[in-house]
Every structure is written in structure tokens, then in C-alpha cells.
Amino acid sequence: MMILDETDLDIMRATQAGLPLTPEPYQCVAEQLGLTTEVVMTRMIAMQEQGIIRRIGVIPNHYKLGYHFNGMTVWNIPDDVIDKLGEKVGQLEFVSHCYHRPRHLPEWPYNLFAMVHGKTREDVDQQIQHIARVLGDANLGCDVLYSTKILKKTGFRSRG
């Protein structure tokens, strides 16, 4: 297990609200902290490999991009094929998140979750139909939960 030193904590504090929106975000963080770009990147990769940083990715505001129909599709998929099919669904260009989650029977039979976004309800309906085709006979049932507002998206917050 990696032990975090003050430099790691400084990097986490500098990036916890997101990386700067510049062509070279790691260089910007490095300059802010008086480090080299290589040190920042090496330490962030090490923290990610140790599970301290779960992922580094873009979190878009879909509403500002014109995608006002955001639906979490939920699917009941046989457990013996969920990994294979979940990977296929997760690779679809219109799926932003794809998760395998436990069922909560008898009320909740769904174990595959896939988030889709569209500018119209019809766009989302077409995406759902596409996922259903990918899943084929393994689709034992589905539903869609539409979001009604955007929630504040944040990552790790240090205490210092």
C-alpha cells in the first residue's frame, strides 16, 4: 500500500475540483505546485494504480451541451453473460457510464446499468433500442430512469 506524502496530498488538493481546462493540464498543476510535469503525472499514475485515485476522466455537464434527456437504463441480464455483454454496451459511443450492480429481488431484478444522453426523448429511445439489440435474447427486462435535474458532481475532497 502506498503511503501518501505531502507532495501527493498537494497534488490531490490541486486537482480535486478537476484538472485545468488547458491543452497541458498536468503542466499547469506542476507549475502551480513548483514541480515538474513528470512528477505530477508519475505520482497521479501511481495513486491510480494503488486505487487512491479511482479514475481520471471528463465529467461533462450534459445540460449545457444541449443533452436534456438523460436516462439511466437498467437491464435484467443473466449473470453468466453480464460481463461480456456489459463490456459491449459500455463501448457504445452514446453510453457514458456502464455498471454491473447487484439485484435487489424481488423488487429490483436489474443488474446492468447504462447511462445514455440525448437531445430529444426520441434520441434516447433509439439508443435504448440499440442497447436492446446488442443484448438480444439476454435482455430479460429493462426500464429507464430519466433524470430531472443535474446533481453536483465532485470527486475526492481532502480535509486539509
N, C-alpha and C. Protein backbone atom coordinates (compact mmCIF):
# COMPACT_ATOMS: atom_id res chain seq x y z
N MET A 1 0.84 -1.19 0.00
CA MET A 1 0.00 0.00 0.00
C MET A 1 0.88 1.25 0.00
N MET A 2 0.51 2.18 -0.82
CA MET A 2 1.26 3.42 -0.96
C MET A 2 1.00 4.34 0.23
N ILE A 3 2.05 4.96 0.72
CA ILE A 3 1.92 5.96 1.77
C ILE A 3 1.99 7.32 1.10
N LEU A 4 1.00 8.14 1.36
CA LEU A 4 0.95 9.45 0.74
C LEU A 4 1.82 10.43 1.52
N ASP A 5 2.63 11.18 0.79
CA ASP A 5 3.41 12.23 1.44
C ASP A 5 2.76 13.58 1.13
N GLU A 6 3.38 14.64 1.59
CA GLU A 6 2.81 15.97 1.43
C GLU A 6 2.67 16.36 -0.04
N THR A 7 3.61 15.91 -0.89
CA THR A 7 3.53 16.21 -2.32
C THR A 7 2.31 15.55 -2.95
N ASP A 8 2.04 14.28 -2.58
CA ASP A 8 0.84 13.60 -3.09
C ASP A 8 -0.41 14.34 -2.66
N LEU A 9 -0.45 14.74 -1.39
CA LEU A 9 -1.62 15.47 -0.88
C LEU A 9 -1.77 16.81 -1.58
N ASP A 10 -0.67 17.49 -1.87
CA ASP A 10 -0.73 18.76 -2.60
C ASP A 10 -1.32 18.54 -4.00
N ILE A 11 -0.89 17.47 -4.66
CA ILE A 11 -1.41 17.16 -5.99
C ILE A 11 -2.91 16.86 -5.91
N MET A 12 -3.31 16.11 -4.91
CA MET A 12 -4.73 15.79 -4.76
C MET A 12 -5.55 17.06 -4.48
N ARG A 13 -5.05 17.95 -3.63
CA ARG A 13 -5.76 19.19 -3.34
C ARG A 13 -5.87 20.06 -4.60
N ALA A 14 -4.80 20.10 -5.39
CA ALA A 14 -4.78 20.94 -6.59
C ALA A 14 -5.69 20.41 -7.69
N THR A 15 -6.00 19.11 -7.66
CA THR A 15 -6.79 18.51 -8.74
C THR A 15 -8.17 18.06 -8.31
N GLN A 16 -8.51 18.16 -7.03
CA GLN A 16 -9.78 17.60 -6.57
C GLN A 16 -11.01 18.27 -7.17
N ALA A 17 -10.89 19.51 -7.59
CA ALA A 17 -12.03 20.17 -8.24
C ALA A 17 -11.98 19.98 -9.75
N GLY A 18 -11.00 19.23 -10.22
CA GLY A 18 -10.85 18.97 -11.65
C GLY A 18 -9.54 19.51 -12.17
N LEU A 19 -9.10 18.93 -13.26
CA LEU A 19 -7.88 19.40 -13.91
C LEU A 19 -8.20 20.70 -14.66
N PRO A 20 -7.22 21.59 -14.78
CA PRO A 20 -7.45 22.83 -15.53
C PRO A 20 -7.82 22.52 -16.98
N LEU A 21 -8.69 23.31 -17.54
CA LEU A 21 -9.12 23.13 -18.93
C LEU A 21 -8.15 23.86 -19.85
N THR A 22 -6.98 23.26 -19.97
CA THR A 22 -5.93 23.80 -20.82
C THR A 22 -5.38 22.66 -21.67
N PRO A 23 -4.65 22.98 -22.73
CA PRO A 23 -4.07 21.91 -23.55
C PRO A 23 -3.08 21.02 -22.77
N GLU A 24 -2.46 21.56 -21.72
CA GLU A 24 -1.49 20.80 -20.92
C GLU A 24 -1.83 20.93 -19.43
N PRO A 25 -2.88 20.25 -18.98
CA PRO A 25 -3.34 20.43 -17.60
C PRO A 25 -2.32 19.99 -16.55
N TYR A 26 -1.55 18.93 -16.83
CA TYR A 26 -0.57 18.46 -15.85
C TYR A 26 0.57 19.47 -15.69
N GLN A 27 0.92 20.13 -16.77
CA GLN A 27 1.95 21.17 -16.70
C GLN A 27 1.46 22.33 -15.85
N CYS A 28 0.19 22.69 -15.99
CA CYS A 28 -0.39 23.77 -15.21
C CYS A 28 -0.36 23.44 -13.72
N VAL A 29 -0.74 22.21 -13.37
CA VAL A 29 -0.70 21.77 -11.96
C VAL A 29 0.74 21.77 -11.46
N ALA A 30 1.66 21.28 -12.29
CA ALA A 30 3.07 21.23 -11.90
C ALA A 30 3.60 22.64 -11.60
N GLU A 31 3.29 23.59 -12.46
CA GLU A 31 3.75 24.97 -12.25
C GLU A 31 3.15 25.55 -10.98
N GLN A 32 1.89 25.27 -10.73
CA GLN A 32 1.20 25.75 -9.53
C GLN A 32 1.89 25.23 -8.27
N LEU A 33 2.38 23.99 -8.33
CA LEU A 33 2.97 23.36 -7.14
C LEU A 33 4.49 23.42 -7.11
N GLY A 34 5.12 23.98 -8.15
CA GLY A 34 6.57 24.04 -8.18
C GLY A 34 7.21 22.68 -8.44
N LEU A 35 6.53 21.84 -9.23
CA LEU A 35 7.01 20.51 -9.55
C LEU A 35 7.21 20.40 -11.06
N THR A 36 7.75 19.28 -11.50
CA THR A 36 7.82 19.04 -12.94
C THR A 36 6.55 18.30 -13.36
N THR A 37 6.24 18.42 -14.63
CA THR A 37 5.08 17.71 -15.19
C THR A 37 5.23 16.21 -14.97
N GLU A 38 6.44 15.70 -15.15
CA GLU A 38 6.69 14.26 -14.99
C GLU A 38 6.39 13.80 -13.57
N VAL A 39 6.76 14.60 -12.57
CA VAL A 39 6.49 14.23 -11.18
C VAL A 39 4.98 14.16 -10.94
N VAL A 40 4.26 15.16 -11.41
CA VAL A 40 2.80 15.17 -11.22
C VAL A 40 2.18 13.95 -11.89
N MET A 41 2.53 13.70 -13.13
CA MET A 41 1.93 12.57 -13.85
C MET A 41 2.33 11.23 -13.23
N THR A 42 3.59 11.07 -12.87
CA THR A 42 4.06 9.81 -12.27
C THR A 42 3.34 9.54 -10.97
N ARG A 43 3.19 10.55 -10.15
CA ARG A 43 2.53 10.36 -8.86
C ARG A 43 1.03 10.09 -9.03
N MET A 44 0.40 10.77 -9.97
CA MET A 44 -1.03 10.52 -10.19
C MET A 44 -1.25 9.11 -10.73
N ILE A 45 -0.38 8.65 -11.62
CA ILE A 45 -0.49 7.28 -12.13
C ILE A 45 -0.29 6.28 -10.99
N ALA A 46 0.70 6.53 -10.13
CA ALA A 46 0.94 5.63 -9.00
C ALA A 46 -0.26 5.59 -8.06
N MET A 47 -0.86 6.76 -7.80
CA MET A 47 -2.04 6.80 -6.93
C MET A 47 -3.22 6.08 -7.58
N GLN A 48 -3.33 6.18 -8.89
CA GLN A 48 -4.41 5.47 -9.59
C GLN A 48 -4.17 3.96 -9.54
N GLU A 49 -2.94 3.53 -9.75
CA GLU A 49 -2.62 2.10 -9.71
C GLU A 49 -2.85 1.51 -8.33
N GLN A 50 -2.68 2.32 -7.27
CA GLN A 50 -2.89 1.86 -5.90
C GLN A 50 -4.36 1.97 -5.46
N GLY A 51 -5.20 2.54 -6.34
CA GLY A 51 -6.61 2.67 -6.00
C GLY A 51 -6.93 3.90 -5.18
N ILE A 52 -5.96 4.78 -4.96
CA ILE A 52 -6.21 6.00 -4.21
C ILE A 52 -7.00 6.98 -5.07
N ILE A 53 -6.63 7.06 -6.34
CA ILE A 53 -7.42 7.79 -7.35
C ILE A 53 -8.11 6.71 -8.17
N ARG A 54 -9.43 6.75 -8.18
CA ARG A 54 -10.17 5.71 -8.89
C ARG A 54 -10.09 5.86 -10.40
N ARG A 55 -10.26 7.08 -10.87
CA ARG A 55 -10.20 7.31 -12.30
C ARG A 55 -9.95 8.77 -12.58
N ILE A 56 -9.43 9.02 -13.76
CA ILE A 56 -9.24 10.38 -14.25
C ILE A 56 -10.04 10.46 -15.54
N GLY A 57 -11.01 11.33 -15.56
CA GLY A 57 -11.86 11.41 -16.74
C GLY A 57 -12.62 12.72 -16.80
N VAL A 58 -13.25 12.93 -17.91
CA VAL A 58 -14.06 14.12 -18.14
C VAL A 58 -15.45 13.89 -17.57
N ILE A 59 -15.97 14.90 -16.88
CA ILE A 59 -17.34 14.86 -16.38
C ILE A 59 -18.09 16.03 -17.02
N PRO A 60 -18.72 15.79 -18.16
CA PRO A 60 -19.39 16.90 -18.85
C PRO A 60 -20.70 17.28 -18.19
N ASN A 61 -21.09 18.53 -18.38
CA ASN A 61 -22.41 18.98 -17.98
C ASN A 61 -23.30 18.80 -19.21
N HIS A 62 -24.03 17.70 -19.26
CA HIS A 62 -24.82 17.36 -20.44
C HIS A 62 -25.87 18.42 -20.76
N TYR A 63 -26.43 19.05 -19.74
CA TYR A 63 -27.45 20.07 -19.99
C TYR A 63 -26.85 21.24 -20.77
N LYS A 64 -25.65 21.69 -20.38
CA LYS A 64 -25.02 22.81 -21.07
C LYS A 64 -24.65 22.45 -22.50
N LEU A 65 -24.47 21.16 -22.77
CA LEU A 65 -24.14 20.70 -24.12
C LEU A 65 -25.40 20.44 -24.96
N GLY A 66 -26.57 20.69 -24.38
CA GLY A 66 -27.82 20.52 -25.12
C GLY A 66 -28.47 19.16 -24.98
N TYR A 67 -27.92 18.31 -24.12
CA TYR A 67 -28.47 16.97 -23.90
C TYR A 67 -29.38 17.02 -22.67
N HIS A 68 -30.66 17.28 -22.93
CA HIS A 68 -31.61 17.48 -21.82
C HIS A 68 -32.35 16.21 -21.43
N PHE A 69 -32.14 15.14 -22.19
CA PHE A 69 -32.79 13.86 -21.88
C PHE A 69 -31.69 12.88 -21.49
N ASN A 70 -31.61 12.61 -20.21
CA ASN A 70 -30.56 11.76 -19.66
C ASN A 70 -31.24 10.61 -18.93
N GLY A 71 -30.97 9.41 -19.39
CA GLY A 71 -31.66 8.26 -18.80
C GLY A 71 -30.71 7.17 -18.35
N MET A 72 -30.91 6.71 -17.13
CA MET A 72 -30.18 5.54 -16.66
C MET A 72 -31.02 4.34 -17.06
N THR A 73 -30.52 3.60 -18.05
CA THR A 73 -31.22 2.39 -18.46
C THR A 73 -30.79 1.26 -17.53
N VAL A 74 -31.74 0.44 -17.14
CA VAL A 74 -31.47 -0.68 -16.24
C VAL A 74 -31.97 -1.95 -16.92
N TRP A 75 -31.15 -3.00 -16.84
CA TRP A 75 -31.40 -4.22 -17.60
C TRP A 75 -31.27 -5.43 -16.70
N ASN A 76 -32.12 -6.40 -16.94
CA ASN A 76 -32.07 -7.70 -16.25
C ASN A 76 -31.36 -8.66 -17.21
N ILE A 77 -30.12 -8.99 -16.88
CA ILE A 77 -29.28 -9.81 -17.76
C ILE A 77 -28.83 -11.06 -16.99
N PRO A 78 -28.86 -12.24 -17.61
CA PRO A 78 -28.36 -13.43 -16.92
C PRO A 78 -26.92 -13.21 -16.44
N ASP A 79 -26.65 -13.63 -15.21
CA ASP A 79 -25.34 -13.39 -14.60
C ASP A 79 -24.19 -14.01 -15.38
N ASP A 80 -24.45 -15.11 -16.07
CA ASP A 80 -23.35 -15.79 -16.77
C ASP A 80 -22.88 -15.06 -18.03
N VAL A 81 -23.61 -14.06 -18.49
CA VAL A 81 -23.20 -13.31 -19.69
C VAL A 81 -23.08 -11.81 -19.44
N ILE A 82 -23.29 -11.38 -18.21
CA ILE A 82 -23.32 -9.93 -17.95
C ILE A 82 -21.98 -9.25 -18.21
N ASP A 83 -20.86 -9.90 -17.88
CA ASP A 83 -19.57 -9.25 -18.10
C ASP A 83 -19.31 -9.03 -19.58
N LYS A 84 -19.56 -10.05 -20.38
CA LYS A 84 -19.34 -9.96 -21.82
C LYS A 84 -20.27 -8.91 -22.45
N LEU A 85 -21.54 -8.96 -22.10
CA LEU A 85 -22.49 -8.02 -22.70
C LEU A 85 -22.33 -6.62 -22.13
N GLY A 86 -22.00 -6.52 -20.84
CA GLY A 86 -21.76 -5.21 -20.25
C GLY A 86 -20.61 -4.49 -20.91
N GLU A 87 -19.58 -5.23 -21.27
CA GLU A 87 -18.45 -4.64 -21.98
C GLU A 87 -18.89 -4.11 -23.35
N LYS A 88 -19.71 -4.85 -24.05
CA LYS A 88 -20.20 -4.39 -25.36
C LYS A 88 -21.05 -3.13 -25.22
N VAL A 89 -21.93 -3.11 -24.23
CA VAL A 89 -22.78 -1.94 -24.01
C VAL A 89 -21.91 -0.74 -23.61
N GLY A 90 -20.95 -0.96 -22.73
CA GLY A 90 -20.08 0.12 -22.28
C GLY A 90 -19.25 0.73 -23.40
N GLN A 91 -19.03 0.00 -24.47
CA GLN A 91 -18.25 0.51 -25.59
C GLN A 91 -19.09 1.29 -26.60
N LEU A 92 -20.40 1.31 -26.44
CA LEU A 92 -21.23 2.09 -27.36
C LEU A 92 -20.94 3.57 -27.17
N GLU A 93 -20.82 4.30 -28.26
CA GLU A 93 -20.39 5.69 -28.18
C GLU A 93 -21.36 6.59 -27.41
N PHE A 94 -22.60 6.22 -27.32
CA PHE A 94 -23.59 7.06 -26.63
C PHE A 94 -23.77 6.67 -25.16
N VAL A 95 -23.08 5.66 -24.68
CA VAL A 95 -23.17 5.23 -23.27
C VAL A 95 -22.02 5.88 -22.51
N SER A 96 -22.36 6.72 -21.52
CA SER A 96 -21.30 7.40 -20.77
C SER A 96 -20.87 6.62 -19.54
N HIS A 97 -21.74 5.81 -18.97
CA HIS A 97 -21.43 5.00 -17.79
C HIS A 97 -22.09 3.64 -17.97
N CYS A 98 -21.41 2.60 -17.56
CA CYS A 98 -21.99 1.26 -17.62
C CYS A 98 -21.49 0.48 -16.41
N TYR A 99 -22.43 -0.05 -15.62
CA TYR A 99 -22.08 -0.71 -14.37
C TYR A 99 -22.79 -2.05 -14.21
N HIS A 100 -22.14 -2.97 -13.55
CA HIS A 100 -22.76 -4.21 -13.09
C HIS A 100 -23.07 -3.98 -11.62
N ARG A 101 -24.34 -4.08 -11.25
CA ARG A 101 -24.77 -3.84 -9.87
C ARG A 101 -25.59 -5.04 -9.38
N PRO A 102 -25.62 -5.23 -8.07
CA PRO A 102 -26.40 -6.35 -7.54
C PRO A 102 -27.91 -6.13 -7.70
N ARG A 103 -28.61 -7.21 -7.89
CA ARG A 103 -30.08 -7.17 -7.91
C ARG A 103 -30.59 -7.03 -6.48
N HIS A 104 -31.79 -6.55 -6.34
CA HIS A 104 -32.45 -6.50 -5.03
C HIS A 104 -33.84 -7.09 -5.21
N LEU A 105 -33.83 -8.42 -5.30
CA LEU A 105 -35.07 -9.16 -5.55
C LEU A 105 -35.96 -9.16 -4.31
N PRO A 106 -37.24 -9.21 -4.49
CA PRO A 106 -37.96 -9.36 -5.76
C PRO A 106 -38.28 -8.02 -6.43
N GLU A 107 -38.06 -6.90 -5.73
CA GLU A 107 -38.48 -5.60 -6.26
C GLU A 107 -37.61 -5.11 -7.41
N TRP A 108 -36.33 -5.43 -7.40
CA TRP A 108 -35.40 -4.84 -8.36
C TRP A 108 -34.59 -5.95 -9.03
N PRO A 109 -35.01 -6.41 -10.21
CA PRO A 109 -34.32 -7.51 -10.88
C PRO A 109 -33.12 -7.07 -11.74
N TYR A 110 -32.87 -5.77 -11.82
CA TYR A 110 -31.90 -5.24 -12.77
C TYR A 110 -30.46 -5.32 -12.24
N ASN A 111 -29.56 -5.73 -13.10
CA ASN A 111 -28.16 -5.86 -12.69
C ASN A 111 -27.17 -5.18 -13.63
N LEU A 112 -27.65 -4.61 -14.74
CA LEU A 112 -26.78 -3.87 -15.65
C LEU A 112 -27.36 -2.47 -15.82
N PHE A 113 -26.54 -1.47 -15.55
CA PHE A 113 -26.96 -0.08 -15.64
C PHE A 113 -26.14 0.60 -16.74
N ALA A 114 -26.79 1.36 -17.60
CA ALA A 114 -26.09 2.08 -18.69
C ALA A 114 -26.72 3.46 -18.85
N MET A 115 -25.92 4.50 -18.67
CA MET A 115 -26.39 5.87 -18.77
C MET A 115 -26.29 6.35 -20.21
N VAL A 116 -27.40 6.91 -20.71
CA VAL A 116 -27.45 7.44 -22.07
C VAL A 116 -27.94 8.88 -22.04
N HIS A 117 -27.59 9.63 -23.07
CA HIS A 117 -27.92 11.06 -23.14
C HIS A 117 -28.39 11.40 -24.54
N GLY A 118 -29.43 12.22 -24.64
CA GLY A 118 -29.93 12.64 -25.94
C GLY A 118 -30.46 14.05 -25.89
N LYS A 119 -30.52 14.65 -27.06
CA LYS A 119 -31.09 15.99 -27.15
C LYS A 119 -32.61 15.94 -27.16
N THR A 120 -33.16 14.80 -27.55
CA THR A 120 -34.61 14.60 -27.55
C THR A 120 -34.93 13.25 -26.91
N ARG A 121 -36.16 13.09 -26.51
CA ARG A 121 -36.61 11.81 -25.96
C ARG A 121 -36.48 10.71 -27.03
N GLU A 122 -36.73 11.08 -28.28
CA GLU A 122 -36.62 10.13 -29.38
C GLU A 122 -35.17 9.63 -29.53
N ASP A 123 -34.19 10.52 -29.34
CA ASP A 123 -32.79 10.11 -29.40
C ASP A 123 -32.51 9.02 -28.36
N VAL A 124 -32.99 9.26 -27.15
CA VAL A 124 -32.76 8.29 -26.06
C VAL A 124 -33.50 6.99 -26.35
N ASP A 125 -34.71 7.09 -26.86
CA ASP A 125 -35.47 5.87 -27.20
C ASP A 125 -34.71 5.04 -28.24
N GLN A 126 -34.11 5.70 -29.24
CA GLN A 126 -33.33 4.97 -30.25
C GLN A 126 -32.10 4.31 -29.64
N GLN A 127 -31.47 5.00 -28.69
CA GLN A 127 -30.30 4.43 -28.01
C GLN A 127 -30.70 3.20 -27.20
N ILE A 128 -31.83 3.27 -26.53
CA ILE A 128 -32.32 2.14 -25.75
C ILE A 128 -32.61 0.96 -26.66
N GLN A 129 -33.21 1.23 -27.80
CA GLN A 129 -33.47 0.15 -28.76
C GLN A 129 -32.17 -0.47 -29.27
N HIS A 130 -31.16 0.36 -29.46
CA HIS A 130 -29.85 -0.14 -29.90
C HIS A 130 -29.25 -1.06 -28.84
N ILE A 131 -29.30 -0.64 -27.58
CA ILE A 131 -28.79 -1.48 -26.48
C ILE A 131 -29.56 -2.79 -26.45
N ALA A 132 -30.88 -2.73 -26.62
CA ALA A 132 -31.69 -3.95 -26.61
C ALA A 132 -31.25 -4.90 -27.72
N ARG A 133 -30.91 -4.36 -28.88
CA ARG A 133 -30.43 -5.21 -29.97
C ARG A 133 -29.08 -5.85 -29.62
N VAL A 134 -28.21 -5.10 -28.98
CA VAL A 134 -26.91 -5.64 -28.57
C VAL A 134 -27.11 -6.77 -27.57
N LEU A 135 -28.05 -6.60 -26.66
CA LEU A 135 -28.28 -7.60 -25.62
C LEU A 135 -29.04 -8.82 -26.14
N GLY A 136 -29.85 -8.61 -27.16
CA GLY A 136 -30.59 -9.71 -27.78
C GLY A 136 -31.44 -10.49 -26.79
N ASP A 137 -31.39 -11.80 -26.89
CA ASP A 137 -32.21 -12.66 -26.04
C ASP A 137 -31.81 -12.63 -24.57
N ALA A 138 -30.64 -12.07 -24.26
CA ALA A 138 -30.20 -11.97 -22.87
C ALA A 138 -30.95 -10.87 -22.12
N ASN A 139 -31.66 -10.02 -22.84
CA ASN A 139 -32.46 -8.96 -22.23
C ASN A 139 -33.74 -9.57 -21.66
N LEU A 140 -33.76 -9.73 -20.34
CA LEU A 140 -34.93 -10.31 -19.67
C LEU A 140 -35.86 -9.25 -19.12
N GLY A 141 -35.57 -7.99 -19.41
CA GLY A 141 -36.41 -6.89 -18.96
C GLY A 141 -35.58 -5.64 -18.77
N CYS A 142 -36.22 -4.50 -18.95
CA CYS A 142 -35.49 -3.23 -18.79
C CYS A 142 -36.44 -2.13 -18.38
N ASP A 143 -35.84 -1.03 -17.96
CA ASP A 143 -36.58 0.17 -17.63
C ASP A 143 -35.62 1.33 -17.82
N VAL A 144 -36.12 2.53 -17.79
CA VAL A 144 -35.26 3.72 -17.90
C VAL A 144 -35.71 4.71 -16.84
N LEU A 145 -34.75 5.27 -16.16
CA LEU A 145 -34.99 6.27 -15.13
C LEU A 145 -34.43 7.59 -15.65
N TYR A 146 -35.31 8.54 -15.97
CA TYR A 146 -34.87 9.82 -16.51
C TYR A 146 -34.52 10.78 -15.39
N SER A 147 -33.42 11.50 -15.57
CA SER A 147 -33.05 12.49 -14.57
C SER A 147 -33.91 13.73 -14.76
N THR A 148 -34.15 14.41 -13.65
CA THR A 148 -34.96 15.63 -13.69
C THR A 148 -34.13 16.86 -13.37
N LYS A 149 -32.92 16.67 -12.84
CA LYS A 149 -32.02 17.79 -12.58
C LYS A 149 -30.60 17.25 -12.53
N ILE A 150 -29.65 18.15 -12.72
CA ILE A 150 -28.25 17.76 -12.65
C ILE A 150 -27.80 17.86 -11.21
N LEU A 151 -27.09 16.84 -10.77
CA LEU A 151 -26.56 16.85 -9.42
C LEU A 151 -25.12 17.34 -9.46
N LYS A 152 -24.69 17.94 -8.37
CA LYS A 152 -23.31 18.40 -8.29
C LYS A 152 -22.39 17.20 -8.37
N LYS A 153 -21.45 17.23 -9.30
CA LYS A 153 -20.53 16.13 -9.49
C LYS A 153 -19.18 16.52 -8.92
N THR A 154 -18.73 15.79 -7.94
CA THR A 154 -17.44 16.09 -7.33
C THR A 154 -16.68 14.80 -7.08
N GLY A 155 -15.41 14.95 -6.92
CA GLY A 155 -14.55 13.81 -6.59
C GLY A 155 -14.09 13.91 -5.16
N PHE A 156 -12.92 13.34 -4.91
CA PHE A 156 -12.30 13.32 -3.59
C PHE A 156 -12.13 14.74 -3.07
N ARG A 157 -12.38 14.93 -1.82
CA ARG A 157 -12.11 16.20 -1.17
C ARG A 157 -11.23 15.93 0.04
N SER A 158 -10.05 16.55 0.07
CA SER A 158 -9.16 16.36 1.22
C SER A 158 -9.63 17.25 2.36
N ARG A 159 -9.15 16.95 3.52
CA ARG A 159 -9.56 17.71 4.72
C ARG A 159 -8.60 18.86 5.03
N GLY A 160 -7.55 18.98 4.25
CA GLY A 160 -6.56 19.99 4.61
C GLY A 160 -6.43 21.12 3.70
